[in-house]
C-alpha cells in the first residue's frame, strides 16, 4: 500500500499531473470519475496568493468528491512560499505540492519552477521552510535537472526527503528538453534503488497507454505513475491502465456516445465554474482529443472552437452524436 503521510493511495496509484490551464476542477472531475487516484490543482503563484489575485485564489477551489487532492504552489522567494503555503493549507487540501519542474521561460528564468534546479541549496532550504509552515504532507514535483550536465536527482531526492517531504514526482526530462525528446526513466530507477530513499517515487513523462504503464512499472520500479498530456480529452486512460495492470486485458475504448456524454459533462462544469464566456473558451483545447480518430470531424471541431454560445455548442455536440452514430475510433 502506497501512503503519503496517513493518506492511503492503493497498491500502484495513478496521479493526474498539475497542468497549467488544464488541471482545473472541471477537468479533475472527469478524471476522478474515470479512475484517477490522486489529483493536483494547476500550479498557483505564491505572489498571486499573497496579493489575493483573483485568478490565483480561484485555483484554490477544491471539492469533496476530488479527494485526495493536492494544491500546488510555485515561486522563487522563500518567505513568499511560506506564506502562500499557509494560505493554500487553509483551503483544505490533503497535500501541499511544490512545483520545482515548470520549464517555461516566464517561470523558470525567474528562479521558480525548474529554475531552482540551478540552486539546489535554495531548493532544499525553501522546502524545509514550507514543511515547517504547514501541518499537511508536503510533496514535490521536479525534473531530472536543468540540463544534461546538472542531473543530480538522486541527491536532490535524498536531501528533500531529509527535510521532510513525503513523496516526490519526477518528470524524466531536463528543463532544457522541455517536453521534447524521450523521457529517461533510468534516473528514476536509480532513485528507487537508492536504499536511503523511503518516500514514494512517482514517475512522469511519456506514459500514454496501458502497455507502457505496465512496462515502466516493471522496468523502473516506481511506486506510481503521474499522467499529464495523455489524459487531456481522454480521462479514460486511468481506468484503462488500472484494468490492464490488474487483469492484463485491454479495455475497449469509449464509444462515441460515451465521448459526447463526458465532453458535455466537462463543458457543463466548465461553464458553471468559470461562467459561460471563459468556460466555453477553456473547453476548446479539449475537443480534439475527445474526438481524436473520428473521421471527417474537422468541420465540427472548427464549429466547436469558434462558437461563443453554450446552447449552440451543446447542439453541435448533439449533432456529432447523430451524424457519427456507430463510428469506430
C-alpha atoms as a PDB file:
ATOM      1  CA  UNK A   1       0.000   0.000   0.000  1.00  0.00           C
ATOM      2  CA  UNK A   2       1.451   3.353  -1.067  1.00  0.00           C
ATOM      3  CA  UNK A   3       0.965   6.096   1.507  1.00  0.00           C
ATOM      4  CA  UNK A   4       1.653   9.809   1.674  1.00  0.00           C
ATOM      5  CA  UNK A   5       1.540  10.606   5.351  1.00  0.00           C
ATOM      6  CA  UNK A   6      -1.659   8.937   6.580  1.00  0.00           C
ATOM      7  CA  UNK A   7      -3.175   9.013   3.089  1.00  0.00           C
ATOM      8  CA  UNK A   8      -3.581   5.547   1.535  1.00  0.00           C
ATOM      9  CA  UNK A   9      -3.452   5.551  -2.271  1.00  0.00           C
ATOM     10  CA  UNK A  10      -3.646   1.879  -3.170  1.00  0.00           C
ATOM     11  CA  UNK A  11      -1.016  -0.508  -4.461  1.00  0.00           C
ATOM     12  CA  UNK A  12       0.052   1.484  -7.523  1.00  0.00           C
ATOM     13  CA  UNK A  13      -1.604   4.893  -7.671  1.00  0.00           C
ATOM     14  CA  UNK A  14      -2.188   6.867 -10.845  1.00  0.00           C
ATOM     15  CA  UNK A  15      -1.853  10.603 -10.374  1.00  0.00           C
ATOM     16  CA  UNK A  16      -3.205  13.414 -12.506  1.00  0.00           C
ATOM     17  CA  UNK A  17      -0.417  15.870 -13.232  1.00  0.00           C
ATOM     18  CA  UNK A  18      -0.847  19.541 -12.356  1.00  0.00           C
ATOM     19  CA  UNK A  19      -1.078  21.223 -15.775  1.00  0.00           C
ATOM     20  CA  UNK A  20      -1.472  24.964 -16.181  1.00  0.00           C
ATOM     21  CA  UNK A  21      -4.821  25.908 -17.773  1.00  0.00           C
ATOM     22  CA  UNK A  22      -5.788  22.213 -17.879  1.00  0.00           C
ATOM     23  CA  UNK A  23      -5.998  20.662 -14.391  1.00  0.00           C
ATOM     24  CA  UNK A  24      -8.917  22.794 -13.229  1.00  0.00           C
ATOM     25  CA  UNK A  25     -11.927  21.463 -11.262  1.00  0.00           C
ATOM     26  CA  UNK A  26     -13.965  20.560 -14.404  1.00  0.00           C
ATOM     27  CA  UNK A  27     -11.117  18.506 -15.841  1.00  0.00           C
ATOM     28  CA  UNK A  28     -10.303  16.960 -12.484  1.00  0.00           C
ATOM     29  CA  UNK A  29     -13.968  15.949 -12.129  1.00  0.00           C
ATOM     30  CA  UNK A  30     -13.956  13.807 -15.272  1.00  0.00           C
ATOM     31  CA  UNK A  31     -10.547  12.330 -14.420  1.00  0.00           C
ATOM     32  CA  UNK A  32     -11.694  11.403 -10.915  1.00  0.00           C
ATOM     33  CA  UNK A  33     -14.810   9.754 -12.341  1.00  0.00           C
ATOM     34  CA  UNK A  34     -12.561   7.704 -14.600  1.00  0.00           C
ATOM     35  CA  UNK A  35     -10.100   6.341 -12.081  1.00  0.00           C
ATOM     36  CA  UNK A  36      -7.503   8.962 -11.078  1.00  0.00           C
ATOM     37  CA  UNK A  37      -6.248   8.118  -7.572  1.00  0.00           C
ATOM     38  CA  UNK A  38      -4.697  11.476  -6.651  1.00  0.00           C
ATOM     39  CA  UNK A  39      -5.007  14.841  -8.342  1.00  0.00           C
ATOM     40  CA  UNK A  40      -3.300  18.182  -8.079  1.00  0.00           C
ATOM     41  CA  UNK A  41      -4.535  21.662  -8.911  1.00  0.00           C
ATOM     42  CA  UNK A  42      -2.956  23.812 -11.563  1.00  0.00           C
ATOM     43  CA  UNK A  43       0.160  25.432 -10.150  1.00  0.00           C
ATOM     44  CA  UNK A  44      -0.566  28.616  -8.226  1.00  0.00           C
ATOM     45  CA  UNK A  45       1.723  31.621  -7.938  1.00  0.00           C
ATOM     46  CA  UNK A  46       2.842  32.302  -4.378  1.00  0.00           C
ATOM     47  CA  UNK A  47       2.968  36.017  -5.124  1.00  0.00           C
ATOM     48  CA  UNK A  48      -0.539  35.865  -6.570  1.00  0.00           C
ATOM     49  CA  UNK A  49      -1.871  34.218  -3.419  1.00  0.00           C
ATOM     50  CA  UNK A  50      -0.205  36.755  -1.174  1.00  0.00           C
ATOM     51  CA  UNK A  51      -1.605  39.639  -3.229  1.00  0.00           C
ATOM     52  CA  UNK A  52      -5.036  37.969  -3.237  1.00  0.00           C
ATOM     53  CA  UNK A  53      -5.062  37.977  -7.050  1.00  0.00           C
ATOM     54  CA  UNK A  54      -8.425  36.675  -8.251  1.00  0.00           C
ATOM     55  CA  UNK A  55      -7.030  34.162 -10.743  1.00  0.00           C
ATOM     56  CA  UNK A  56      -4.674  32.635  -8.173  1.00  0.00           C
ATOM     57  CA  UNK A  57      -7.293  32.490  -5.443  1.00  0.00           C
ATOM     58  CA  UNK A  58      -9.829  30.805  -7.744  1.00  0.00           C
ATOM     59  CA  UNK A  59      -7.343  27.985  -8.324  1.00  0.00           C
ATOM     60  CA  UNK A  60      -7.661  27.113  -4.638  1.00  0.00           C
ATOM     61  CA  UNK A  61     -11.174  25.768  -5.315  1.00  0.00           C
ATOM     62  CA  UNK A  62     -11.368  22.084  -4.451  1.00  0.00           C
ATOM     63  CA  UNK A  63     -14.379  19.814  -3.955  1.00  0.00           C
ATOM     64  CA  UNK A  64     -15.050  16.926  -1.593  1.00  0.00           C
ATOM     65  CA  UNK A  65     -15.538  14.378  -4.375  1.00  0.00           C
ATOM     66  CA  UNK A  66     -11.992  15.075  -5.606  1.00  0.00           C
ATOM     67  CA  UNK A  67     -10.252  13.795  -2.508  1.00  0.00           C
ATOM     68  CA  UNK A  68      -7.495  13.060  -2.120  1.00  0.00           C
ATOM     69  CA  UNK A  69      -6.362  16.262  -3.794  1.00  0.00           C
ATOM     70  CA  UNK A  70      -3.265  18.426  -3.522  1.00  0.00           C
ATOM     71  CA  UNK A  71      -2.738  22.131  -4.093  1.00  0.00           C
ATOM     72  CA  UNK A  72       0.469  23.013  -5.932  1.00  0.00           C
ATOM     73  CA  UNK A  73       2.325  26.305  -5.469  1.00  0.00           C
ATOM     74  CA  UNK A  74       5.377  27.866  -7.116  1.00  0.00           C
ATOM     75  CA  UNK A  75       7.622  30.838  -6.515  1.00  0.00           C
ATOM     76  CA  UNK A  76      11.225  31.915  -6.050  1.00  0.00           C
ATOM     77  CA  UNK A  77      11.125  33.678  -2.670  1.00  0.00           C
ATOM     78  CA  UNK A  78      11.258  31.539   0.478  1.00  0.00           C
ATOM     79  CA  UNK A  79       9.248  33.965   2.620  1.00  0.00           C
ATOM     80  CA  UNK A  80       6.535  34.253  -0.024  1.00  0.00           C
ATOM     81  CA  UNK A  81       6.361  30.495  -0.443  1.00  0.00           C
ATOM     82  CA  UNK A  82       5.972  30.018   3.315  1.00  0.00           C
ATOM     83  CA  UNK A  83       3.103  32.488   3.396  1.00  0.00           C
ATOM     84  CA  UNK A  84       1.474  31.001   0.291  1.00  0.00           C
ATOM     85  CA  UNK A  85       1.762  27.506   1.768  1.00  0.00           C
ATOM     86  CA  UNK A  86      -0.238  28.606   4.820  1.00  0.00           C
ATOM     87  CA  UNK A  87      -2.891  30.211   2.591  1.00  0.00           C
ATOM     88  CA  UNK A  88      -3.124  27.056   0.484  1.00  0.00           C
ATOM     89  CA  UNK A  89      -3.401  24.828   3.557  1.00  0.00           C
ATOM     90  CA  UNK A  90      -6.351  26.913   4.778  1.00  0.00           C
ATOM     91  CA  UNK A  91      -8.232  25.925   1.589  1.00  0.00           C
ATOM     92  CA  UNK A  92      -8.362  22.359   2.948  1.00  0.00           C
ATOM     93  CA  UNK A  93      -6.295  20.161   0.606  1.00  0.00           C
ATOM     94  CA  UNK A  94      -4.983  16.759   1.634  1.00  0.00           C
ATOM     95  CA  UNK A  95      -1.486  17.566   0.338  1.00  0.00           C
ATOM     96  CA  UNK A  96       0.618  20.610  -0.456  1.00  0.00           C
ATOM     97  CA  UNK A  97       2.835  20.192  -3.514  1.00  0.00           C
ATOM     98  CA  UNK A  98       5.776  22.369  -4.528  1.00  0.00           C
ATOM     99  CA  UNK A  99       6.438  22.928  -8.219  1.00  0.00           C
ATOM    100  CA  UNK A 100      10.139  22.612  -8.969  1.00  0.00           C
ATOM    101  CA  UNK A 101       9.574  21.410 -12.522  1.00  0.00           C
ATOM    102  CA  UNK A 102       7.810  24.007 -14.690  1.00  0.00           C
ATOM    103  CA  UNK A 103      10.140  24.675 -17.652  1.00  0.00           C
ATOM    104  CA  UNK A 104       8.503  27.723 -19.276  1.00  0.00           C
ATOM    105  CA  UNK A 105      10.644  30.843 -19.506  1.00  0.00           C
ATOM    106  CA  UNK A 106       8.373  33.168 -17.544  1.00  0.00           C
ATOM    107  CA  UNK A 107       8.655  30.829 -14.542  1.00  0.00           C
ATOM    108  CA  UNK A 108      12.000  29.030 -14.798  1.00  0.00           C
ATOM    109  CA  UNK A 109      14.057  32.042 -15.853  1.00  0.00           C
ATOM    110  CA  UNK A 110      12.911  33.872 -12.728  1.00  0.00           C
ATOM    111  CA  UNK A 111      14.268  31.126 -10.497  1.00  0.00           C
ATOM    112  CA  UNK A 112      10.953  29.394  -9.838  1.00  0.00           C
ATOM    113  CA  UNK A 113       9.730  26.026 -11.134  1.00  0.00           C
ATOM    114  CA  UNK A 114      12.604  24.196 -12.821  1.00  0.00           C
ATOM    115  CA  UNK A 115      14.735  27.314 -12.422  1.00  0.00           C
ATOM    116  CA  UNK A 116      15.507  26.367  -8.838  1.00  0.00           C
ATOM    117  CA  UNK A 117      17.333  23.282 -10.123  1.00  0.00           C
ATOM    118  CA  UNK A 118      20.258  25.650 -10.669  1.00  0.00           C
ATOM    119  CA  UNK A 119      20.376  26.306  -6.914  1.00  0.00           C
ATOM    120  CA  UNK A 120      19.848  23.035  -5.057  1.00  0.00           C
ATOM    121  CA  UNK A 121      20.780  24.530  -1.691  1.00  0.00           C
ATOM    122  CA  UNK A 122      17.991  27.119  -2.034  1.00  0.00           C
ATOM    123  CA  UNK A 123      15.615  24.386  -3.177  1.00  0.00           C
ATOM    124  CA  UNK A 124      16.323  22.406  -0.014  1.00  0.00           C
ATOM    125  CA  UNK A 125      16.067  25.469   2.256  1.00  0.00           C
ATOM    126  CA  UNK A 126      12.783  26.541   0.690  1.00  0.00           C
ATOM    127  CA  UNK A 127      11.349  23.050   1.050  1.00  0.00           C
ATOM    128  CA  UNK A 128      12.391  22.830   4.710  1.00  0.00           C
ATOM    129  CA  UNK A 129      10.645  26.133   5.474  1.00  0.00           C
ATOM    130  CA  UNK A 130       7.448  25.064   3.725  1.00  0.00           C
ATOM    131  CA  UNK A 131       7.388  21.738   5.573  1.00  0.00           C
ATOM    132  CA  UNK A 132       7.638  23.648   8.851  1.00  0.00           C
ATOM    133  CA  UNK A 133       4.919  26.098   7.790  1.00  0.00           C
ATOM    134  CA  UNK A 134       2.124  23.539   7.290  1.00  0.00           C
ATOM    135  CA  UNK A 135       0.724  20.500   9.073  1.00  0.00           C
ATOM    136  CA  UNK A 136      -0.348  18.526   5.987  1.00  0.00           C
ATOM    137  CA  UNK A 137       2.021  16.326   3.945  1.00  0.00           C
ATOM    138  CA  UNK A 138       4.310  18.193   1.561  1.00  0.00           C
ATOM    139  CA  UNK A 139       5.258  16.654  -1.784  1.00  0.00           C
ATOM    140  CA  UNK A 140       7.439  17.856  -4.654  1.00  0.00           C
ATOM    141  CA  UNK A 141       7.232  17.677  -8.428  1.00  0.00           C
ATOM    142  CA  UNK A 142      10.511  18.244 -10.231  1.00  0.00           C
ATOM    143  CA  UNK A 143      12.638  17.330 -13.231  1.00  0.00           C
ATOM    144  CA  UNK A 144      15.931  15.472 -13.611  1.00  0.00           C
ATOM    145  CA  UNK A 145      17.930  18.689 -13.723  1.00  0.00           C
ATOM    146  CA  UNK A 146      18.333  21.938 -15.629  1.00  0.00           C
ATOM    147  CA  UNK A 147      20.208  20.200 -18.472  1.00  0.00           C
ATOM    148  CA  UNK A 148      22.150  17.006 -19.071  1.00  0.00           C
ATOM    149  CA  UNK A 149      25.134  18.428 -17.170  1.00  0.00           C
ATOM    150  CA  UNK A 150      23.217  19.225 -13.974  1.00  0.00           C
ATOM    151  CA  UNK A 151      21.334  15.995 -13.281  1.00  0.00           C
ATOM    152  CA  UNK A 152      21.551  15.408  -9.518  1.00  0.00           C
ATOM    153  CA  UNK A 153      18.119  13.889  -8.987  1.00  0.00           C
ATOM    154  CA  UNK A 154      19.310  11.158  -6.627  1.00  0.00           C
ATOM    155  CA  UNK A 155      20.985  13.686  -4.345  1.00  0.00           C
ATOM    156  CA  UNK A 156      18.020  16.053  -4.651  1.00  0.00           C
ATOM    157  CA  UNK A 157      15.563  13.345  -3.614  1.00  0.00           C
ATOM    158  CA  UNK A 158      17.682  12.389  -0.618  1.00  0.00           C
ATOM    159  CA  UNK A 159      18.037  15.967   0.577  1.00  0.00           C
ATOM    160  CA  UNK A 160      14.357  16.809   0.101  1.00  0.00           C
ATOM    161  CA  UNK A 161      13.381  13.638   1.950  1.00  0.00           C
ATOM    162  CA  UNK A 162      15.734  14.631   4.767  1.00  0.00           C
ATOM    163  CA  UNK A 163      13.921  17.955   5.254  1.00  0.00           C
ATOM    164  CA  UNK A 164      10.521  16.310   5.376  1.00  0.00           C
ATOM    165  CA  UNK A 165       8.797  15.820   2.031  1.00  0.00           C
ATOM    166  CA  UNK A 166       6.617  12.717   1.955  1.00  0.00           C
ATOM    167  CA  UNK A 167       6.624  11.896  -1.775  1.00  0.00           C
ATOM    168  CA  UNK A 168       8.245  13.073  -4.986  1.00  0.00           C
ATOM    169  CA  UNK A 169       7.050  13.053  -8.592  1.00  0.00           C
ATOM    170  CA  UNK A 170       9.836  13.208 -11.172  1.00  0.00           C
ATOM    171  CA  UNK A 171       9.335  14.220 -14.787  1.00  0.00           C
ATOM    172  CA  UNK A 172      12.044  12.217 -16.506  1.00  0.00           C
ATOM    173  CA  UNK A 173      13.309  15.092 -18.648  1.00  0.00           C
ATOM    174  CA  UNK A 174      15.565  18.063 -18.018  1.00  0.00           C
ATOM    175  CA  UNK A 175      14.360  21.638 -18.190  1.00  0.00           C
ATOM    176  CA  UNK A 176      16.364  22.072 -21.403  1.00  0.00           C
ATOM    177  CA  UNK A 177      14.348  19.283 -23.037  1.00  0.00           C
ATOM    178  CA  UNK A 178      11.039  20.981 -22.232  1.00  0.00           C
ATOM    179  CA  UNK A 179       8.576  18.322 -23.494  1.00  0.00           C
ATOM    180  CA  UNK A 180      10.710  17.124 -26.397  1.00  0.00           C
ATOM    181  CA  UNK A 181      12.843  14.034 -26.831  1.00  0.00           C
ATOM    182  CA  UNK A 182      12.409  10.796 -24.957  1.00  0.00           C
ATOM    183  CA  UNK A 183      11.978  10.836 -21.199  1.00  0.00           C
ATOM    184  CA  UNK A 184      14.843   8.979 -19.483  1.00  0.00           C
ATOM    185  CA  UNK A 185      13.392   6.859 -16.691  1.00  0.00           C
ATOM    186  CA  UNK A 186      16.735   5.205 -15.943  1.00  0.00           C
ATOM    187  CA  UNK A 187      17.366   8.031 -13.473  1.00  0.00           C
ATOM    188  CA  UNK A 188      14.120   7.190 -11.692  1.00  0.00           C
ATOM    189  CA  UNK A 189      15.202   3.571 -11.398  1.00  0.00           C
ATOM    190  CA  UNK A 190      18.434   4.769  -9.788  1.00  0.00           C
ATOM    191  CA  UNK A 191      16.470   6.832  -7.267  1.00  0.00           C
ATOM    192  CA  UNK A 192      14.336   3.801  -6.404  1.00  0.00           C
ATOM    193  CA  UNK A 193      17.433   1.591  -5.984  1.00  0.00           C
ATOM    194  CA  UNK A 194      18.945   4.029  -3.502  1.00  0.00           C
ATOM    195  CA  UNK A 195      18.489   2.374  -0.081  1.00  0.00           C
ATOM    196  CA  UNK A 196      18.267   5.786   1.608  1.00  0.00           C
ATOM    197  CA  UNK A 197      15.060   6.672  -0.271  1.00  0.00           C
ATOM    198  CA  UNK A 198      11.985   5.598   1.663  1.00  0.00           C
ATOM    199  CA  UNK A 199       9.325   8.000   0.356  1.00  0.00           C
ATOM    200  CA  UNK A 200       7.107   7.119  -2.648  1.00  0.00           C
ATOM    201  CA  UNK A 201       8.627   7.997  -6.010  1.00  0.00           C
ATOM    202  CA  UNK A 202       6.184   8.652  -8.839  1.00  0.00           C
ATOM    203  CA  UNK A 203       7.274   8.710 -12.474  1.00  0.00           C
ATOM    204  CA  UNK A 204       6.080  11.165 -15.096  1.00  0.00           C
ATOM    205  CA  UNK A 205       6.777  11.520 -18.803  1.00  0.00           C
ATOM    206  CA  UNK A 206       5.710   9.680 -21.985  1.00  0.00           C
ATOM    207  CA  UNK A 207       3.215   7.259 -20.411  1.00  0.00           C
ATOM    208  CA  UNK A 208       0.316   7.291 -22.851  1.00  0.00           C
ATOM    209  CA  UNK A 209      -1.001   3.717 -22.879  1.00  0.00           C
ATOM    210  CA  UNK A 210      -1.763   0.842 -20.506  1.00  0.00           C
ATOM    211  CA  UNK A 211       1.017  -1.224 -22.071  1.00  0.00           C
ATOM    212  CA  UNK A 212       3.603   1.471 -21.465  1.00  0.00           C
ATOM    213  CA  UNK A 213       2.391   1.976 -17.883  1.00  0.00           C
ATOM    214  CA  UNK A 214       2.874  -1.731 -17.160  1.00  0.00           C
ATOM    215  CA  UNK A 215       6.309  -1.761 -18.820  1.00  0.00           C
ATOM    216  CA  UNK A 216       7.512   1.285 -16.881  1.00  0.00           C
ATOM    217  CA  UNK A 217       6.125  -0.051 -13.597  1.00  0.00           C
ATOM    218  CA  UNK A 218       8.021  -3.306 -14.005  1.00  0.00           C
ATOM    219  CA  UNK A 219      11.198  -1.930 -15.595  1.00  0.00           C
ATOM    220  CA  UNK A 220      11.817   1.097 -13.385  1.00  0.00           C
ATOM    221  CA  UNK A 221      10.191   0.096 -10.100  1.00  0.00           C
ATOM    222  CA  UNK A 222       8.394   3.383  -9.418  1.00  0.00           C
ATOM    223  CA  UNK A 223       5.619   3.493  -6.812  1.00  0.00           C
ATOM    224  CA  UNK A 224       3.051   5.011  -9.153  1.00  0.00           C
ATOM    225  CA  UNK A 225       2.709   6.987 -12.351  1.00  0.00           C
ATOM    226  CA  UNK A 226       1.677  10.589 -12.944  1.00  0.00           C
ATOM    227  CA  UNK A 227      -0.288  11.105 -16.149  1.00  0.00           C
ATOM    228  CA  UNK A 228      -0.288  14.509 -17.837  1.00  0.00           C
ATOM    229  CA  UNK A 229      -0.861  15.233 -21.513  1.00  0.00           C
ATOM    230  CA  UNK A 230      -2.203  11.744 -22.275  1.00  0.00           C
ATOM    231  CA  UNK A 231      -5.258  12.494 -20.101  1.00  0.00           C
ATOM    232  CA  UNK A 232      -6.242  15.697 -21.934  1.00  0.00           C
ATOM    233  CA  UNK A 233      -9.524  14.897 -23.658  1.00  0.00           C
ATOM    234  CA  UNK A 234      -9.048  11.238 -22.692  1.00  0.00           C
ATOM    235  CA  UNK A 235      -9.762  10.790 -18.962  1.00  0.00           C
ATOM    236  CA  UNK A 236     -10.491   7.103 -19.584  1.00  0.00           C
ATOM    237  CA  UNK A 237      -6.763   6.400 -19.580  1.00  0.00           C
ATOM    238  CA  UNK A 238      -6.750   5.987 -15.784  1.00  0.00           C
ATOM    239  CA  UNK A 239      -9.349   3.193 -15.784  1.00  0.00           C
ATOM    240  CA  UNK A 240      -7.714   1.596 -18.807  1.00  0.00           C
ATOM    241  CA  UNK A 241      -4.310   1.478 -17.114  1.00  0.00           C
ATOM    242  CA  UNK A 242      -5.728   0.209 -13.814  1.00  0.00           C
ATOM    243  CA  UNK A 243      -7.667  -2.538 -15.580  1.00  0.00           C
ATOM    244  CA  UNK A 244      -4.648  -3.637 -17.623  1.00  0.00           C
ATOM    245  CA  UNK A 245      -2.368  -3.722 -14.581  1.00  0.00           C
ATOM    246  CA  UNK A 246      -4.866  -5.895 -12.694  1.00  0.00           C
ATOM    247  CA  UNK A 247      -6.003  -8.252 -15.470  1.00  0.00           C
ATOM    248  CA  UNK A 248      -3.571  -7.984 -18.381  1.00  0.00           C
ATOM    249  CA  UNK A 249      -6.562  -7.231 -20.590  1.00  0.00           C
ATOM    250  CA  UNK A 250      -7.143  -4.079 -22.601  1.00  0.00           C
ATOM    251  CA  UNK A 251     -10.453  -2.341 -22.066  1.00  0.00           C
ATOM    252  CA  UNK A 252     -12.333  -1.359 -25.174  1.00  0.00           C
ATOM    253  CA  UNK A 253     -12.054   2.391 -25.690  1.00  0.00           C
ATOM    254  CA  UNK A 254     -15.026   4.712 -25.190  1.00  0.00           C
ATOM    255  CA  UNK A 255     -17.575   4.787 -27.974  1.00  0.00           C
ATOM    256  CA  UNK A 256     -18.978   7.967 -29.481  1.00  0.00           C
ATOM    257  CA  UNK A 257     -21.912   8.144 -27.074  1.00  0.00           C
ATOM    258  CA  UNK A 258     -19.561   7.978 -24.075  1.00  0.00           C
ATOM    259  CA  UNK A 259     -17.231  10.598 -25.552  1.00  0.00           C
ATOM    260  CA  UNK A 260     -20.055  13.038 -26.172  1.00  0.00           C
ATOM    261  CA  UNK A 261     -21.527  12.418 -22.711  1.00  0.00           C
ATOM    262  CA  UNK A 262     -18.239  13.086 -20.921  1.00  0.00           C
ATOM    263  CA  UNK A 263     -17.385  16.087 -23.116  1.00  0.00           C
ATOM    264  CA  UNK A 264     -20.781  17.620 -22.267  1.00  0.00           C
ATOM    265  CA  UNK A 265     -20.314  16.904 -18.553  1.00  0.00           C
ATOM    266  CA  UNK A 266     -16.903  18.569 -18.736  1.00  0.00           C
ATOM    267  CA  UNK A 267     -18.406  21.533 -20.616  1.00  0.00           C
ATOM    268  CA  UNK A 268     -21.248  21.952 -18.118  1.00  0.00           C
ATOM    269  CA  UNK A 269     -18.869  22.047 -15.163  1.00  0.00           C
ATOM    270  CA  UNK A 270     -16.552  24.418 -17.007  1.00  0.00           C
ATOM    271  CA  UNK A 271     -19.367  26.890 -17.682  1.00  0.00           C
ATOM    272  CA  UNK A 272     -20.721  26.506 -14.156  1.00  0.00           C
ATOM    273  CA  UNK A 273     -17.308  27.159 -12.592  1.00  0.00           C
ATOM    274  CA  UNK A 274     -15.936  29.880 -14.861  1.00  0.00           C
ATOM    275  CA  UNK A 275     -19.007  31.432 -16.436  1.00  0.00           C
ATOM    276  CA  UNK A 276     -20.187  30.942 -19.998  1.00  0.00           C
ATOM    277  CA  UNK A 277     -17.610  33.018 -21.869  1.00  0.00           C
ATOM    278  CA  UNK A 278     -14.474  31.696 -20.162  1.00  0.00           C
ATOM    279  CA  UNK A 279     -15.899  28.210 -19.660  1.00  0.00           C
ATOM    280  CA  UNK A 280     -16.531  27.822 -23.392  1.00  0.00           C
ATOM    281  CA  UNK A 281     -13.157  29.275 -24.260  1.00  0.00           C
ATOM    282  CA  UNK A 282     -11.157  26.978 -21.990  1.00  0.00           C
ATOM    283  CA  UNK A 283     -13.001  23.856 -23.180  1.00  0.00           C
ATOM    284  CA  UNK A 284     -11.731  24.394 -26.700  1.00  0.00           C
ATOM    285  CA  UNK A 285      -8.352  22.783 -26.026  1.00  0.00           C
ATOM    286  CA  UNK A 286     -10.061  19.501 -25.139  1.00  0.00           C
ATOM    287  CA  UNK A 287     -12.331  18.781 -28.138  1.00  0.00           C
ATOM    288  CA  UNK A 288      -9.617  17.498 -30.490  1.00  0.00           C
ATOM    289  CA  UNK A 289      -8.633  14.776 -28.046  1.00  0.00           C
ATOM    290  CA  UNK A 290     -12.182  13.873 -27.039  1.00  0.00           C
ATOM    291  CA  UNK A 291     -12.886  13.024 -30.675  1.00  0.00           C
ATOM    292  CA  UNK A 292      -9.423  12.040 -31.902  1.00  0.00           C
ATOM    293  CA  UNK A 293      -9.670   9.391 -34.597  1.00  0.00           C
ATOM    294  CA  UNK A 294     -13.199  10.327 -35.689  1.00  0.00           C
ATOM    295  CA  UNK A 295     -13.073  10.624 -39.493  1.00  0.00           C
ATOM    296  CA  UNK A 296     -14.240  13.863 -41.105  1.00  0.00           C
ATOM    297  CA  UNK A 297     -14.556  15.586 -37.735  1.00  0.00           C
ATOM    298  CA  UNK A 298     -12.678  18.762 -38.716  1.00  0.00           C
ATOM    299  CA  UNK A 299     -15.736  20.924 -39.645  1.00  0.00           C
ATOM    300  CA  UNK A 300     -17.360  20.088 -36.306  1.00  0.00           C
ATOM    301  CA  UNK A 301     -14.159  20.816 -34.411  1.00  0.00           C
ATOM    302  CA  UNK A 302     -13.949  24.186 -36.143  1.00  0.00           C
ATOM    303  CA  UNK A 303     -17.528  24.918 -35.120  1.00  0.00           C
ATOM    304  CA  UNK A 304     -16.885  23.862 -31.518  1.00  0.00           C
ATOM    305  CA  UNK A 305     -13.849  26.126 -31.151  1.00  0.00           C
ATOM    306  CA  UNK A 306     -15.440  29.179 -32.767  1.00  0.00           C
ATOM    307  CA  UNK A 307     -18.931  29.121 -31.278  1.00  0.00           C
ATOM    308  CA  UNK A 308     -19.472  31.504 -28.370  1.00  0.00           C
ATOM    309  CA  UNK A 309     -22.888  30.335 -27.192  1.00  0.00           C
ATOM    310  CA  UNK A 310     -23.342  27.469 -24.726  1.00  0.00           C
ATOM    311  CA  UNK A 311     -26.625  26.243 -26.174  1.00  0.00           C
ATOM    312  CA  UNK A 312     -25.181  26.209 -29.697  1.00  0.00           C
ATOM    313  CA  UNK A 313     -22.133  24.224 -28.568  1.00  0.00           C
ATOM    314  CA  UNK A 314     -24.447  21.636 -26.985  1.00  0.00           C
ATOM    315  CA  UNK A 315     -26.375  21.418 -30.251  1.00  0.00           C
ATOM    316  CA  UNK A 316     -23.131  20.825 -32.175  1.00  0.00           C
ATOM    317  CA  UNK A 317     -22.205  18.011 -29.786  1.00  0.00           C
ATOM    318  CA  UNK A 318     -25.684  16.503 -30.234  1.00  0.00           C
ATOM    319  CA  UNK A 319     -25.223  16.714 -33.995  1.00  0.00           C
ATOM    320  CA  UNK A 320     -21.867  14.950 -33.720  1.00  0.00           C
ATOM    321  CA  UNK A 321     -23.634  12.200 -31.811  1.00  0.00           C
ATOM    322  CA  UNK A 322     -26.259  11.801 -34.543  1.00  0.00           C
ATOM    323  CA  UNK A 323     -24.058  12.181 -37.616  1.00  0.00           C
ATOM    324  CA  UNK A 324     -21.325   9.831 -36.453  1.00  0.00           C
ATOM    325  CA  UNK A 325     -23.501   7.287 -34.636  1.00  0.00           C
ATOM    326  CA  UNK A 326     -21.830   3.892 -34.792  1.00  0.00           C
ATOM    327  CA  UNK A 327     -18.496   5.306 -35.943  1.00  0.00           C
ATOM    328  CA  UNK A 328     -15.363   3.470 -34.881  1.00  0.00           C
ATOM    329  CA  UNK A 329     -12.265   5.147 -33.473  1.00  0.00           C
END
